[in-house]
Amino acid sequence: MGTDFRSHGCDVSKFTRSEIEVLFERLCSLIDMERCDLHFWDDLGVPEEEQQKDPKTKGTSAVQFILTSTIVIHTLECLMKAVYVNIFSCKEFDTD
């Protein structure tokens, strides 16, 4: 079972690792999923000359592994102030 969510016009101050981790914690609790490993991809700690410049790729991506699969998030703070979330699990959950 999978579902995708997207939102535009977001408060980009929430696009931090700590805020995203809180989102994963709340979301997993809400849909009754067991959290496993969490991995981030972003420019944190990357030398400035190696950081993403293209607004289509600049943002934070994270994968929250859950016991039954994954929840993936990608933020686009420059381009659209948008966030995209994909939840995929072989365990059923309420998408509402």
N, C-alpha and C. Protein backbone atom coordinates (compact mmCIF):
# COMPACT_ATOMS: atom_id res chain seq x y z
N MET A 1 0.85 -1.16 0.00
CA MET A 1 0.00 0.00 0.00
C MET A 1 0.91 1.23 0.00
N GLY A 2 0.58 2.22 -0.78
CA GLY A 2 1.37 3.43 -0.83
C GLY A 2 0.51 4.64 -1.06
N THR A 3 1.04 5.79 -0.67
CA THR A 3 0.34 7.03 -0.91
C THR A 3 1.36 8.17 -1.00
N ASP A 4 1.04 9.17 -1.79
CA ASP A 4 1.90 10.34 -1.94
C ASP A 4 1.15 11.57 -1.48
N PHE A 5 1.88 12.47 -0.83
CA PHE A 5 1.34 13.75 -0.41
C PHE A 5 2.28 14.83 -0.91
N ARG A 6 1.74 15.99 -1.24
CA ARG A 6 2.59 17.13 -1.59
C ARG A 6 1.90 18.39 -1.10
N SER A 7 2.70 19.34 -0.74
CA SER A 7 2.16 20.61 -0.26
C SER A 7 3.07 21.72 -0.76
N HIS A 8 2.47 22.80 -1.23
CA HIS A 8 3.22 23.96 -1.72
C HIS A 8 2.92 25.16 -0.83
N GLY A 9 3.80 26.15 -0.85
CA GLY A 9 3.61 27.34 -0.03
C GLY A 9 3.88 27.06 1.44
N CYS A 10 4.78 26.12 1.72
CA CYS A 10 5.08 25.70 3.09
C CYS A 10 5.98 26.71 3.81
N ASP A 11 5.99 26.61 5.12
CA ASP A 11 6.90 27.37 5.97
C ASP A 11 8.26 26.67 5.90
N VAL A 12 9.19 27.23 5.12
CA VAL A 12 10.47 26.55 4.90
C VAL A 12 11.34 26.49 6.16
N SER A 13 11.00 27.23 7.19
CA SER A 13 11.76 27.12 8.44
C SER A 13 11.56 25.74 9.08
N LYS A 14 10.55 25.00 8.63
CA LYS A 14 10.28 23.65 9.14
C LYS A 14 11.08 22.59 8.38
N PHE A 15 11.83 22.98 7.36
CA PHE A 15 12.57 22.04 6.53
C PHE A 15 13.96 21.75 7.11
N THR A 16 14.02 21.49 8.40
CA THR A 16 15.29 21.16 9.07
C THR A 16 15.29 19.69 9.43
N ARG A 17 16.47 19.16 9.68
CA ARG A 17 16.56 17.76 10.06
C ARG A 17 15.73 17.48 11.32
N SER A 18 15.83 18.35 12.31
CA SER A 18 15.10 18.09 13.56
C SER A 18 13.59 18.15 13.35
N GLU A 19 13.09 19.09 12.56
CA GLU A 19 11.65 19.17 12.30
C GLU A 19 11.17 17.98 11.46
N ILE A 20 11.99 17.54 10.52
CA ILE A 20 11.63 16.39 9.70
C ILE A 20 11.59 15.13 10.56
N GLU A 21 12.53 15.00 11.49
CA GLU A 21 12.52 13.84 12.39
C GLU A 21 11.25 13.83 13.26
N VAL A 22 10.85 14.99 13.74
CA VAL A 22 9.61 15.09 14.52
C VAL A 22 8.42 14.68 13.65
N LEU A 23 8.41 15.13 12.40
CA LEU A 23 7.34 14.75 11.47
C LEU A 23 7.28 13.23 11.32
N PHE A 24 8.43 12.59 11.13
CA PHE A 24 8.46 11.14 10.99
C PHE A 24 7.94 10.46 12.27
N GLU A 25 8.35 10.96 13.43
CA GLU A 25 7.90 10.38 14.70
C GLU A 25 6.38 10.46 14.81
N ARG A 26 5.83 11.64 14.53
CA ARG A 26 4.37 11.83 14.64
C ARG A 26 3.62 11.00 13.59
N LEU A 27 4.14 11.00 12.37
CA LEU A 27 3.49 10.26 11.30
C LEU A 27 3.48 8.76 11.60
N CYS A 28 4.60 8.23 12.02
CA CYS A 28 4.67 6.80 12.32
C CYS A 28 3.75 6.43 13.48
N SER A 29 3.64 7.30 14.46
CA SER A 29 2.71 7.06 15.55
C SER A 29 1.27 7.08 15.05
N LEU A 30 0.97 8.06 14.21
CA LEU A 30 -0.38 8.23 13.68
C LEU A 30 -0.84 7.03 12.85
N ILE A 31 0.05 6.49 12.03
CA ILE A 31 -0.34 5.37 11.16
C ILE A 31 0.13 4.02 11.71
N ASP A 32 0.61 4.03 12.97
CA ASP A 32 0.98 2.80 13.68
C ASP A 32 2.06 2.01 12.94
N MET A 33 3.17 2.69 12.64
CA MET A 33 4.31 2.05 11.98
C MET A 33 5.51 2.07 12.93
N GLU A 34 6.30 1.01 12.88
CA GLU A 34 7.50 0.93 13.72
C GLU A 34 8.69 1.54 12.98
N ARG A 35 9.27 2.60 13.57
CA ARG A 35 10.42 3.27 12.96
C ARG A 35 11.67 2.43 13.11
N CYS A 36 12.50 2.48 12.06
CA CYS A 36 13.82 1.84 12.07
C CYS A 36 14.86 2.92 11.77
N ASP A 37 15.74 2.72 10.83
CA ASP A 37 16.79 3.69 10.52
C ASP A 37 16.23 4.93 9.82
N LEU A 38 16.89 6.05 10.07
CA LEU A 38 16.56 7.33 9.43
C LEU A 38 17.83 7.86 8.78
N HIS A 39 17.73 8.24 7.49
CA HIS A 39 18.89 8.76 6.76
C HIS A 39 18.52 10.06 6.07
N PHE A 40 19.44 11.03 6.11
CA PHE A 40 19.25 12.33 5.47
C PHE A 40 20.24 12.53 4.34
N TRP A 41 19.82 13.27 3.31
CA TRP A 41 20.69 13.75 2.24
C TRP A 41 20.40 15.22 2.08
N ASP A 42 21.42 16.04 2.29
CA ASP A 42 21.29 17.48 2.13
C ASP A 42 22.68 18.10 2.06
N ASP A 43 22.74 19.40 2.14
CA ASP A 43 24.03 20.08 2.04
C ASP A 43 24.68 20.35 3.40
N LEU A 44 24.11 19.83 4.47
CA LEU A 44 24.66 20.03 5.81
C LEU A 44 26.06 19.44 5.89
N GLY A 45 27.05 20.28 6.18
CA GLY A 45 28.44 19.83 6.28
C GLY A 45 29.16 19.67 4.96
N VAL A 46 28.50 20.01 3.85
CA VAL A 46 29.11 19.90 2.52
C VAL A 46 29.79 21.23 2.19
N PRO A 47 31.03 21.21 1.70
CA PRO A 47 31.69 22.47 1.33
C PRO A 47 30.83 23.27 0.36
N GLU A 48 30.84 24.59 0.49
CA GLU A 48 29.97 25.46 -0.31
C GLU A 48 30.09 25.21 -1.80
N GLU A 49 31.29 24.96 -2.28
CA GLU A 49 31.48 24.76 -3.72
C GLU A 49 30.86 23.44 -4.22
N GLU A 50 30.56 22.53 -3.30
CA GLU A 50 29.95 21.26 -3.67
C GLU A 50 28.45 21.20 -3.39
N GLN A 51 27.90 22.25 -2.81
CA GLN A 51 26.47 22.27 -2.48
C GLN A 51 25.62 22.41 -3.73
N GLN A 52 24.39 21.93 -3.63
CA GLN A 52 23.45 22.02 -4.74
C GLN A 52 23.09 23.48 -5.00
N LYS A 53 23.11 23.87 -6.24
CA LYS A 53 22.75 25.24 -6.63
C LYS A 53 21.42 25.30 -7.37
N ASP A 54 21.10 24.21 -8.07
CA ASP A 54 19.87 24.15 -8.86
C ASP A 54 18.67 24.06 -7.92
N PRO A 55 17.70 24.97 -8.03
CA PRO A 55 16.54 24.94 -7.13
C PRO A 55 15.69 23.66 -7.27
N LYS A 56 15.88 22.91 -8.35
CA LYS A 56 15.15 21.65 -8.53
C LYS A 56 15.75 20.52 -7.70
N THR A 57 16.99 20.70 -7.26
CA THR A 57 17.65 19.66 -6.47
C THR A 57 18.05 20.12 -5.08
N LYS A 58 18.02 21.42 -4.83
CA LYS A 58 18.42 21.94 -3.52
C LYS A 58 17.29 21.72 -2.52
N GLY A 59 17.59 21.03 -1.47
CA GLY A 59 16.61 20.74 -0.43
C GLY A 59 17.10 19.60 0.43
N THR A 60 16.25 19.17 1.31
CA THR A 60 16.58 18.05 2.19
C THR A 60 15.74 16.85 1.78
N SER A 61 16.41 15.73 1.63
CA SER A 61 15.72 14.46 1.40
C SER A 61 16.01 13.57 2.59
N ALA A 62 15.03 12.75 2.94
CA ALA A 62 15.22 11.82 4.05
C ALA A 62 14.41 10.56 3.79
N VAL A 63 14.96 9.45 4.27
CA VAL A 63 14.27 8.18 4.21
C VAL A 63 14.14 7.66 5.63
N GLN A 64 12.90 7.45 6.04
CA GLN A 64 12.62 6.82 7.33
C GLN A 64 12.25 5.37 7.02
N PHE A 65 13.18 4.47 7.31
CA PHE A 65 12.85 3.06 7.14
C PHE A 65 11.90 2.68 8.25
N ILE A 66 10.85 1.95 7.88
CA ILE A 66 9.91 1.42 8.84
C ILE A 66 9.96 -0.09 8.71
N LEU A 67 9.47 -0.78 9.71
CA LEU A 67 9.56 -2.23 9.72
C LEU A 67 8.98 -2.85 8.45
N THR A 68 7.98 -2.19 7.86
CA THR A 68 7.30 -2.76 6.70
C THR A 68 7.66 -2.07 5.38
N SER A 69 8.57 -1.11 5.38
CA SER A 69 9.07 -0.49 4.15
C SER A 69 9.68 0.89 4.42
N THR A 70 9.16 1.97 3.77
CA THR A 70 9.81 3.28 3.89
C THR A 70 8.80 4.43 3.84
N ILE A 71 9.26 5.55 4.41
CA ILE A 71 8.60 6.84 4.22
C ILE A 71 9.71 7.76 3.72
N VAL A 72 9.46 8.43 2.60
CA VAL A 72 10.46 9.29 1.98
C VAL A 72 9.93 10.71 1.92
N ILE A 73 10.79 11.69 2.19
CA ILE A 73 10.42 13.09 2.12
C ILE A 73 11.47 13.83 1.31
N HIS A 74 11.01 14.81 0.53
CA HIS A 74 11.94 15.70 -0.17
C HIS A 74 11.38 17.11 -0.10
N THR A 75 12.22 18.04 0.31
CA THR A 75 11.80 19.44 0.38
C THR A 75 12.44 20.23 -0.75
N LEU A 76 11.71 21.19 -1.25
CA LEU A 76 12.22 22.13 -2.27
C LEU A 76 11.95 23.53 -1.75
N GLU A 77 12.86 24.03 -0.92
CA GLU A 77 12.61 25.33 -0.31
C GLU A 77 12.77 26.50 -1.28
N CYS A 78 13.67 26.40 -2.22
CA CYS A 78 13.92 27.52 -3.14
C CYS A 78 12.88 27.64 -4.23
N LEU A 79 12.55 26.54 -4.85
CA LEU A 79 11.72 26.56 -6.05
C LEU A 79 10.25 26.84 -5.76
N MET A 80 9.66 26.05 -4.90
CA MET A 80 8.22 26.16 -4.69
C MET A 80 7.81 26.20 -3.23
N LYS A 81 8.78 26.22 -2.32
CA LYS A 81 8.45 26.11 -0.89
C LYS A 81 7.55 24.89 -0.70
N ALA A 82 8.01 23.76 -1.24
CA ALA A 82 7.19 22.56 -1.31
C ALA A 82 7.82 21.40 -0.57
N VAL A 83 6.97 20.48 -0.18
CA VAL A 83 7.41 19.23 0.43
C VAL A 83 6.64 18.09 -0.23
N TYR A 84 7.35 17.00 -0.48
CA TYR A 84 6.77 15.81 -1.07
C TYR A 84 7.02 14.65 -0.12
N VAL A 85 5.99 13.88 0.16
CA VAL A 85 6.11 12.74 1.07
C VAL A 85 5.52 11.52 0.40
N ASN A 86 6.24 10.40 0.46
CA ASN A 86 5.75 9.13 -0.05
C ASN A 86 5.79 8.12 1.08
N ILE A 87 4.66 7.48 1.33
CA ILE A 87 4.59 6.42 2.34
C ILE A 87 4.31 5.12 1.59
N PHE A 88 5.18 4.15 1.79
CA PHE A 88 4.97 2.84 1.18
C PHE A 88 5.12 1.78 2.26
N SER A 89 4.14 0.90 2.36
CA SER A 89 4.18 -0.15 3.36
C SER A 89 3.37 -1.35 2.91
N CYS A 90 3.84 -2.54 3.21
CA CYS A 90 3.03 -3.72 2.94
C CYS A 90 2.01 -3.94 4.05
N LYS A 91 2.11 -3.15 5.13
CA LYS A 91 1.11 -3.15 6.19
C LYS A 91 0.08 -2.07 5.83
N GLU A 92 -1.18 -2.39 5.90
CA GLU A 92 -2.22 -1.41 5.56
C GLU A 92 -2.26 -0.29 6.60
N PHE A 93 -2.62 0.90 6.13
CA PHE A 93 -2.77 2.05 7.02
C PHE A 93 -3.83 2.97 6.44
N ASP A 94 -4.39 3.81 7.28
CA ASP A 94 -5.42 4.76 6.87
C ASP A 94 -4.75 5.96 6.20
N THR A 95 -4.96 6.14 4.91
CA THR A 95 -4.34 7.24 4.17
C THR A 95 -4.96 8.59 4.48
N ASP A 96 -6.09 8.61 5.12
CA ASP A 96 -6.71 9.89 5.51
C ASP A 96 -6.07 10.45 6.74
